[in-house]
C-alpha atoms as a PDB file:
ATOM      1  CA  MET A   1     104.813  32.425 187.128  1.00  0.00           C
ATOM      2  CA  ILE A   2     104.144  35.445 184.957  1.00  0.00           C
ATOM      3  CA  TYR A   3     106.486  38.391 185.463  1.00  0.00           C
ATOM      4  CA  ILE A   4     105.732  41.857 184.093  1.00  0.00           C
ATOM      5  CA  SER A   5     108.716  44.044 183.245  1.00  0.00           C
ATOM      6  CA  ILE A   6     108.098  47.800 183.428  1.00  0.00           C
ATOM      7  CA  PRO A   7     110.675  50.606 183.158  1.00  0.00           C
ATOM      8  CA  VAL A   8     109.502  53.573 185.274  1.00  0.00           C
ATOM      9  CA  HIS A   9     110.840  57.062 185.880  1.00  0.00           C
ATOM     10  CA  GLU A  10     108.139  59.362 187.275  1.00  0.00           C
ATOM     11  CA  ALA A  11     104.760  59.682 189.077  1.00  0.00           C
ATOM     12  CA  GLN A  12     104.909  57.130 191.901  1.00  0.00           C
ATOM     13  CA  ASP A  13     101.131  57.249 192.402  1.00  0.00           C
ATOM     14  CA  VAL A  14     100.640  56.244 188.767  1.00  0.00           C
ATOM     15  CA  ILE A  15     103.048  53.331 189.233  1.00  0.00           C
ATOM     16  CA  VAL A  16     101.018  52.090 192.203  1.00  0.00           C
ATOM     17  CA  ASP A  17      97.755  52.442 190.267  1.00  0.00           C
ATOM     18  CA  GLN A  18      99.253  50.535 187.346  1.00  0.00           C
ATOM     19  CA  VAL A  19     100.284  47.681 189.634  1.00  0.00           C
ATOM     20  CA  TYR A  20      96.734  47.520 191.023  1.00  0.00           C
ATOM     21  CA  ASN A  21      95.390  47.496 187.463  1.00  0.00           C
ATOM     22  CA  PHE A  22      97.619  44.615 186.364  1.00  0.00           C
ATOM     23  CA  SER A  23      96.894  42.649 189.541  1.00  0.00           C
ATOM     24  CA  ARG A  24      93.173  42.862 188.875  1.00  0.00           C
ATOM     25  CA  PHE A  25      93.389  41.381 185.389  1.00  0.00           C
ATOM     26  CA  ILE A  26      96.425  39.089 185.912  1.00  0.00           C
ATOM     27  CA  PRO A  27      95.946  37.949 189.530  1.00  0.00           C
ATOM     28  CA  ASP A  28      99.025  35.699 189.737  1.00  0.00           C
ATOM     29  CA  CYS A  29     101.522  38.117 188.178  1.00  0.00           C
ATOM     30  CA  CYS A  30     104.654  39.580 189.741  1.00  0.00           C
ATOM     31  CA  VAL A  31     105.520  43.106 188.593  1.00  0.00           C
ATOM     32  CA  VAL A  32     109.235  43.876 188.271  1.00  0.00           C
ATOM     33  CA  LEU A  33     110.008  47.594 188.150  1.00  0.00           C
ATOM     34  CA  HIS A  34     113.181  49.050 186.697  1.00  0.00           C
ATOM     35  CA  VAL A  35     113.691  52.538 188.105  1.00  0.00           C
ATOM     36  CA  SER A  36     115.611  54.762 185.709  1.00  0.00           C
ATOM     37  CA  LYS A  37     118.779  56.533 186.802  1.00  0.00           C
ATOM     38  CA  LEU A  38     116.984  59.718 185.764  1.00  0.00           C
ATOM     39  CA  ALA A  39     113.864  58.980 187.829  1.00  0.00           C
ATOM     40  CA  SER A  40     112.286  61.859 189.731  1.00  0.00           C
ATOM     41  CA  PHE A  41     112.254  59.724 192.914  1.00  0.00           C
ATOM     42  CA  CYS A  42     114.543  57.236 194.624  1.00  0.00           C
ATOM     43  CA  LYS A  43     113.925  53.507 194.911  1.00  0.00           C
ATOM     44  CA  ASP A  44     113.647  53.672 198.690  1.00  0.00           C
ATOM     45  CA  ASN A  45     110.751  56.121 198.466  1.00  0.00           C
ATOM     46  CA  LEU A  46     108.926  53.925 195.981  1.00  0.00           C
ATOM     47  CA  LYS A  47     109.539  50.819 198.098  1.00  0.00           C
ATOM     48  CA  LYS A  48     108.208  52.640 201.161  1.00  0.00           C
ATOM     49  CA  ILE A  49     104.958  53.502 199.352  1.00  0.00           C
ATOM     50  CA  ILE A  50     104.571  49.921 198.116  1.00  0.00           C
ATOM     51  CA  ASP A  51     105.189  48.539 201.615  1.00  0.00           C
ATOM     52  CA  GLU A  52     102.740  50.988 203.217  1.00  0.00           C
ATOM     53  CA  LYS A  53     100.032  49.947 200.786  1.00  0.00           C
ATOM     54  CA  LYS A  54     100.855  46.268 201.474  1.00  0.00           C
ATOM     55  CA  ILE A  55     101.350  45.427 197.804  1.00  0.00           C
ATOM     56  CA  ASN A  56     102.923  41.987 197.763  1.00  0.00           C
ATOM     57  CA  ASN A  57     103.387  41.274 194.058  1.00  0.00           C
ATOM     58  CA  VAL A  58     105.941  43.994 193.228  1.00  0.00           C
ATOM     59  CA  LEU A  59     109.713  43.764 193.059  1.00  0.00           C
ATOM     60  CA  ILE A  60     112.089  46.667 192.414  1.00  0.00           C
ATOM     61  CA  ASN A  61     115.215  45.812 190.462  1.00  0.00           C
ATOM     62  CA  PRO A  62     118.191  46.896 192.598  1.00  0.00           C
ATOM     63  CA  LEU A  63     120.110  47.699 189.394  1.00  0.00           C
ATOM     64  CA  SER A  64     119.452  50.822 187.346  1.00  0.00           C
ATOM     65  CA  VAL A  65     120.890  51.102 183.845  1.00  0.00           C
ATOM     66  CA  GLU A  66     120.955  53.955 181.377  1.00  0.00           C
ATOM     67  CA  THR A  67     117.592  54.399 179.686  1.00  0.00           C
ATOM     68  CA  SER A  68     116.605  56.842 176.988  1.00  0.00           C
ATOM     69  CA  TRP A  69     114.620  56.754 173.784  1.00  0.00           C
ATOM     70  CA  GLY A  70     116.041  53.954 171.663  1.00  0.00           C
ATOM     71  CA  SER A  71     117.613  52.114 174.579  1.00  0.00           C
ATOM     72  CA  ILE A  72     114.647  51.005 176.650  1.00  0.00           C
ATOM     73  CA  ILE A  73     115.667  47.445 175.807  1.00  0.00           C
ATOM     74  CA  GLN A  74     118.504  47.782 178.316  1.00  0.00           C
ATOM     75  CA  ALA A  75     116.027  48.226 181.167  1.00  0.00           C
ATOM     76  CA  HIS A  76     114.063  45.162 180.078  1.00  0.00           C
ATOM     77  CA  ILE A  77     117.243  43.087 179.780  1.00  0.00           C
ATOM     78  CA  ALA A  78     118.244  44.214 183.284  1.00  0.00           C
ATOM     79  CA  ASN A  79     114.844  43.047 184.533  1.00  0.00           C
ATOM     80  CA  VAL A  80     115.186  39.677 182.789  1.00  0.00           C
ATOM     81  CA  ASN A  81     118.586  39.201 184.423  1.00  0.00           C
ATOM     82  CA  TYR A  82     117.083  40.105 187.797  1.00  0.00           C
ATOM     83  CA  ILE A  83     114.229  37.652 187.289  1.00  0.00           C
ATOM     84  CA  ASN A  84     116.810  34.967 186.519  1.00  0.00           C
ATOM     85  CA  SER A  85     118.272  35.529 189.977  1.00  0.00           C
ATOM     86  CA  ILE A  86     114.964  34.729 191.681  1.00  0.00           C
ATOM     87  CA  SER A  87     113.225  32.318 189.298  1.00  0.00           C
ATOM     88  CA  THR A  88     113.669  28.549 189.476  1.00  0.00           C
ATOM     89  CA  ASN A  89     111.615  27.779 186.364  1.00  0.00           C
ATOM     90  CA  GLN A  90     112.893  28.489 182.841  1.00  0.00           C
ATOM     91  CA  GLY A  91     109.314  28.073 181.658  1.00  0.00           C
ATOM     92  CA  ASP A  92     108.259  31.239 183.493  1.00  0.00           C
ATOM     93  CA  LYS A  93     106.863  33.943 181.223  1.00  0.00           C
ATOM     94  CA  ILE A  94     107.862  37.600 181.013  1.00  0.00           C
ATOM     95  CA  ILE A  95     105.584  40.304 179.624  1.00  0.00           C
ATOM     96  CA  PHE A  96     106.987  43.668 178.581  1.00  0.00           C
ATOM     97  CA  HIS A  97     105.039  46.829 179.317  1.00  0.00           C
ATOM     98  CA  ALA A  98     105.436  50.591 179.245  1.00  0.00           C
ATOM     99  CA  SER A  99     104.674  52.815 182.224  1.00  0.00           C
ATOM    100  CA  ASN A 100     101.569  54.254 180.543  1.00  0.00           C
ATOM    101  CA  ASP A 101      99.822  50.964 179.679  1.00  0.00           C
ATOM    102  CA  MET A 102      96.472  49.997 181.197  1.00  0.00           C
ATOM    103  CA  ILE A 103      94.383  46.842 180.912  1.00  0.00           C
ATOM    104  CA  VAL A 104      90.652  47.363 180.407  1.00  0.00           C
ATOM    105  CA  LYS A 105      89.204  44.051 179.214  1.00  0.00           C
ATOM    106  CA  LYS A 106      88.562  40.764 180.999  1.00  0.00           C
ATOM    107  CA  GLY A 107      89.934  37.479 179.726  1.00  0.00           C
ATOM    108  CA  LEU A 108      93.627  38.331 179.596  1.00  0.00           C
ATOM    109  CA  ASP A 109      94.548  35.799 182.278  1.00  0.00           C
ATOM    110  CA  SER A 110      93.059  33.022 180.139  1.00  0.00           C
ATOM    111  CA  LEU A 111      94.995  34.171 177.056  1.00  0.00           C
ATOM    112  CA  LEU A 112      98.259  34.256 178.977  1.00  0.00           C
ATOM    113  CA  SER A 113      97.800  30.878 180.659  1.00  0.00           C
ATOM    114  CA  ASN A 114      97.216  29.263 177.256  1.00  0.00           C
ATOM    115  CA  SER A 115     100.158  30.986 175.536  1.00  0.00           C
ATOM    116  CA  SER A 116     103.929  30.714 175.740  1.00  0.00           C
ATOM    117  CA  ASN A 117     105.031  33.572 173.494  1.00  0.00           C
ATOM    118  CA  LEU A 118     103.220  36.637 172.150  1.00  0.00           C
ATOM    119  CA  PHE A 119     104.816  38.859 169.517  1.00  0.00           C
ATOM    120  CA  HIS A 120     104.167  40.251 166.050  1.00  0.00           C
ATOM    121  CA  THR A 121     105.824  38.738 162.990  1.00  0.00           C
ATOM    122  CA  ARG A 122     106.162  41.802 160.786  1.00  0.00           C
ATOM    123  CA  TYR A 123     108.851  40.919 158.269  1.00  0.00           C
ATOM    124  CA  TYR A 124     111.022  43.656 156.787  1.00  0.00           C
ATOM    125  CA  ASP A 125     113.091  42.601 153.788  1.00  0.00           C
ATOM    126  CA  ARG A 126     113.140  45.934 151.982  1.00  0.00           C
ATOM    127  CA  HIS A 127     112.679  49.657 152.561  1.00  0.00           C
ATOM    128  CA  GLY A 128     109.191  50.949 153.221  1.00  0.00           C
ATOM    129  CA  TYR A 129     107.232  53.676 154.990  1.00  0.00           C
ATOM    130  CA  TRP A 130     108.216  52.716 158.547  1.00  0.00           C
ATOM    131  CA  TRP A 131     111.463  54.582 159.210  1.00  0.00           C
ATOM    132  CA  PRO A 132     112.809  52.403 162.096  1.00  0.00           C
ATOM    133  CA  ALA A 133     112.916  49.385 159.783  1.00  0.00           C
ATOM    134  CA  ASN A 134     114.835  51.450 157.230  1.00  0.00           C
ATOM    135  CA  ILE A 135     117.341  52.407 159.938  1.00  0.00           C
ATOM    136  CA  VAL A 136     117.836  48.733 160.795  1.00  0.00           C
ATOM    137  CA  LEU A 137     118.433  47.746 157.179  1.00  0.00           C
ATOM    138  CA  ASP A 138     120.769  50.684 156.476  1.00  0.00           C
ATOM    139  CA  GLN A 139     122.666  51.287 159.701  1.00  0.00           C
ATOM    140  CA  ASP A 140     122.623  48.347 162.124  1.00  0.00           C
ATOM    141  CA  GLU A 141     124.942  45.912 160.373  1.00  0.00           C
ATOM    142  CA  ILE A 142     126.128  44.556 163.745  1.00  0.00           C
ATOM    143  CA  PHE A 143     122.600  43.393 164.566  1.00  0.00           C
ATOM    144  CA  LEU A 144     122.045  42.040 161.055  1.00  0.00           C
ATOM    145  CA  LYS A 145     125.318  40.104 161.166  1.00  0.00           C
ATOM    146  CA  ALA A 146     124.376  38.542 164.502  1.00  0.00           C
ATOM    147  CA  LEU A 147     120.944  37.693 163.140  1.00  0.00           C
ATOM    148  CA  ARG A 148     122.461  35.985 160.100  1.00  0.00           C
ATOM    149  CA  SER A 149     124.615  33.864 162.375  1.00  0.00           C
ATOM    150  CA  VAL A 150     121.478  32.341 163.878  1.00  0.00           C
ATOM    151  CA  GLY A 151     119.236  31.891 160.868  1.00  0.00           C
ATOM    152  CA  SER A 152     118.175  33.609 157.696  1.00  0.00           C
ATOM    153  CA  GLY A 153     118.905  37.082 159.043  1.00  0.00           C
ATOM    154  CA  ARG A 154     115.336  38.158 158.421  1.00  0.00           C
ATOM    155  CA  VAL A 155     114.276  41.270 160.329  1.00  0.00           C
ATOM    156  CA  VAL A 156     111.079  40.759 162.317  1.00  0.00           C
ATOM    157  CA  ALA A 157     109.435  43.682 164.113  1.00  0.00           C
ATOM    158  CA  SER A 158     106.981  43.550 166.986  1.00  0.00           C
ATOM    159  CA  GLN A 159     105.340  45.962 169.359  1.00  0.00           C
ATOM    160  CA  ILE A 160     107.038  45.560 172.721  1.00  0.00           C
ATOM    161  CA  GLU A 161     104.037  46.531 174.895  1.00  0.00           C
ATOM    162  CA  GLY A 162     101.980  43.433 175.652  1.00  0.00           C
ATOM    163  CA  SER A 163     104.509  41.041 174.117  1.00  0.00           C
ATOM    164  CA  MET A 164     105.486  37.937 176.073  1.00  0.00           C
ATOM    165  CA  TYR A 165     108.320  35.416 175.937  1.00  0.00           C
ATOM    166  CA  GLN A 166     109.296  32.396 177.975  1.00  0.00           C
ATOM    167  CA  LEU A 167     112.309  32.964 180.190  1.00  0.00           C
ATOM    168  CA  ASP A 168     114.462  30.332 178.465  1.00  0.00           C
ATOM    169  CA  VAL A 169     113.814  31.983 175.086  1.00  0.00           C
ATOM    170  CA  LEU A 170     114.797  35.400 176.427  1.00  0.00           C
ATOM    171  CA  ASN A 171     117.952  33.986 177.995  1.00  0.00           C
ATOM    172  CA  GLU A 172     119.027  32.578 174.646  1.00  0.00           C
ATOM    173  CA  ILE A 173     118.263  35.888 172.923  1.00  0.00           C
ATOM    174  CA  ILE A 174     120.134  37.949 175.517  1.00  0.00           C
ATOM    175  CA  SER A 175     123.119  35.596 175.227  1.00  0.00           C
ATOM    176  CA  LEU A 176     123.267  36.373 171.507  1.00  0.00           C
ATOM    177  CA  ILE A 177     122.918  40.122 172.112  1.00  0.00           C
ATOM    178  CA  GLU A 178     125.797  39.990 174.596  1.00  0.00           C
ATOM    179  CA  LYS A 179     127.942  37.621 172.519  1.00  0.00           C
ATOM    180  CA  TYR A 180     127.958  39.998 169.561  1.00  0.00           C
ATOM    181  CA  GLU A 181     127.937  43.126 171.800  1.00  0.00           C
ATOM    182  CA  ILE A 182     125.116  44.526 169.689  1.00  0.00           C
ATOM    183  CA  ILE A 183     123.918  47.178 172.117  1.00  0.00           C
ATOM    184  CA  LYS A 184     127.470  48.234 172.992  1.00  0.00           C
ATOM    185  CA  LYS A 185     128.793  48.475 169.435  1.00  0.00           C
ATOM    186  CA  SER A 186     125.791  49.580 167.397  1.00  0.00           C
ATOM    187  CA  LYS A 187     125.476  53.339 166.885  1.00  0.00           C
ATOM    188  CA  ALA A 188     122.108  53.190 165.118  1.00  0.00           C
ATOM    189  CA  LEU A 189     119.361  55.080 166.927  1.00  0.00           C
ATOM    190  CA  TYR A 190     115.896  53.515 166.797  1.00  0.00           C
ATOM    191  CA  PRO A 191     113.544  51.569 169.141  1.00  0.00           C
ATOM    192  CA  ARG A 192     115.634  48.391 169.343  1.00  0.00           C
ATOM    193  CA  GLU A 193     113.194  46.691 171.701  1.00  0.00           C
ATOM    194  CA  GLU A 194     110.784  46.431 168.759  1.00  0.00           C
ATOM    195  CA  PHE A 195     113.290  44.370 166.731  1.00  0.00           C
ATOM    196  CA  TYR A 196     115.820  42.456 168.801  1.00  0.00           C
ATOM    197  CA  PHE A 197     113.545  40.142 170.796  1.00  0.00           C
ATOM    198  CA  SER A 198     111.155  39.281 167.957  1.00  0.00           C
ATOM    199  CA  SER A 199     113.866  38.910 165.290  1.00  0.00           C
ATOM    200  CA  PHE A 200     116.001  36.547 167.337  1.00  0.00           C
ATOM    201  CA  ALA A 201     112.955  34.603 168.536  1.00  0.00           C
ATOM    202  CA  ASP A 202     111.903  34.087 164.934  1.00  0.00           C
ATOM    203  CA  ALA A 203     115.451  33.092 163.952  1.00  0.00           C
ATOM    204  CA  LEU A 204     115.466  30.529 166.773  1.00  0.00           C
ATOM    205  CA  GLY A 205     112.286  28.985 165.381  1.00  0.00           C
ATOM    206  CA  ILE A 206     109.878  30.334 167.988  1.00  0.00           C
ATOM    207  CA  VAL A 207     106.321  30.610 166.658  1.00  0.00           C
ATOM    208  CA  PRO A 208     104.115  32.968 168.700  1.00  0.00           C
ATOM    209  CA  ASN A 209     100.754  31.785 169.981  1.00  0.00           C
ATOM    210  CA  ASN A 210      99.266  35.209 169.361  1.00  0.00           C
ATOM    211  CA  THR A 211     100.103  38.888 168.997  1.00  0.00           C
ATOM    212  CA  PRO A 212     100.685  41.468 171.777  1.00  0.00           C
ATOM    213  CA  TYR A 213      97.431  42.438 173.451  1.00  0.00           C
ATOM    214  CA  ILE A 214      97.970  46.176 174.051  1.00  0.00           C
ATOM    215  CA  TYR A 215      96.253  48.553 171.620  1.00  0.00           C
ATOM    216  CA  SER A 216      98.626  51.093 170.075  1.00  0.00           C
ATOM    217  CA  GLU A 217      97.460  54.476 168.852  1.00  0.00           C
ATOM    218  CA  VAL A 218     100.764  54.695 166.962  1.00  0.00           C
ATOM    219  CA  HIS A 219      99.774  51.752 164.770  1.00  0.00           C
ATOM    220  CA  TYR A 220      96.482  53.492 163.996  1.00  0.00           C
ATOM    221  CA  PHE A 221      98.318  56.690 163.063  1.00  0.00           C
ATOM    222  CA  ASP A 222     100.715  54.755 160.813  1.00  0.00           C
ATOM    223  CA  MET A 223      97.856  52.943 159.096  1.00  0.00           C
ATOM    224  CA  ILE A 224      96.188  56.237 158.139  1.00  0.00           C
ATOM    225  CA  LEU A 225      99.467  57.926 157.193  1.00  0.00           C
ATOM    226  CA  TRP A 226     100.727  55.068 155.028  1.00  0.00           C
ATOM    227  CA  ASN A 227      97.383  54.845 153.267  1.00  0.00           C
ATOM    228  CA  PHE A 228      97.877  58.470 152.190  1.00  0.00           C
ATOM    229  CA  PHE A 229     101.473  57.736 151.193  1.00  0.00           C
ATOM    230  CA  ASP A 230     100.417  54.787 149.068  1.00  0.00           C
ATOM    231  CA  LYS A 231      97.810  56.851 147.228  1.00  0.00           C
ATOM    232  CA  ILE A 232     100.339  59.628 146.584  1.00  0.00           C
ATOM    233  CA  ASP A 233     103.016  57.223 145.331  1.00  0.00           C
ATOM    234  CA  ASN A 234     100.537  55.609 142.946  1.00  0.00           C
ATOM    235  CA  SER A 235      99.286  58.950 141.620  1.00  0.00           C
ATOM    236  CA  GLN A 236     100.549  61.356 138.973  1.00  0.00           C
ATOM    237  CA  LEU A 237     100.940  64.183 141.476  1.00  0.00           C
ATOM    238  CA  PRO A 238     104.140  66.289 141.368  1.00  0.00           C
ATOM    239  CA  LEU A 239     106.488  66.835 144.315  1.00  0.00           C
ATOM    240  CA  LYS A 240     105.414  63.619 146.033  1.00  0.00           C
ATOM    241  CA  ASN A 241     108.008  63.682 148.821  1.00  0.00           C
ATOM    242  CA  ILE A 242     107.165  67.264 149.773  1.00  0.00           C
ATOM    243  CA  LEU A 243     103.471  66.411 149.810  1.00  0.00           C
ATOM    244  CA  LYS A 244     104.080  63.378 152.030  1.00  0.00           C
ATOM    245  CA  LYS A 245     106.094  65.431 154.498  1.00  0.00           C
ATOM    246  CA  TYR A 246     103.309  68.014 154.640  1.00  0.00           C
ATOM    247  CA  ILE A 247     100.615  65.384 155.277  1.00  0.00           C
ATOM    248  CA  ASN A 248     102.775  63.712 157.930  1.00  0.00           C
ATOM    249  CA  LYS A 249     103.149  67.042 159.743  1.00  0.00           C
ATOM    250  CA  ILE A 250      99.421  67.810 159.587  1.00  0.00           C
ATOM    251  CA  LEU A 251      98.362  64.343 160.836  1.00  0.00           C
ATOM    252  CA  PHE A 252     101.002  64.335 163.544  1.00  0.00           C
END
């Protein structure tokens, strides 16, 4: 079984359309929705709409945890724990999505059936242009210590949208997160979901079959921005940091 974990908080009609979209391209999937505590609707209303439309492949997590920027991982972990309560197969796969993702190309079901894990292996051993990685290296010693206890301690980043892991892998990762109380103790603010799963998976020796399949406009923005940064840093121009901040603001 393929489960799709999605944190949601607004626009019930969009949620329904997204479920239809996923069902078209991944016919055998089961969508697990985590409704935020700050959602603009209640779970009962959403369940009523889903029942009225006779959508059979959607489950709503009865638990709602705190979700905000930088802590979306908590919603996904809550969904994994919920899936554990209903799944009988540790080989089941879980895909992580955002509430604004959409699938537009055929062939995804074939990719998923022939893959066990999908995530990027972007290694970060030193400071660079991507600020979240710098935050990890400078401020999240609790996470780094836990990572070193498993393997080399190497930080591995991955886009969360369109990434996939087997359930047994996620259970092992979540056990480590809970053992070291990383989310509870760490005060660093950054998108943890883009580091924790992929870093621990890599430390556990998991080799992905492929990369996440969702296109990210953020990656495109970063590619253009960092190309400018690289040219500035390798030039003789004065006031490089001020110039980079100005270009970042203009492009943004």
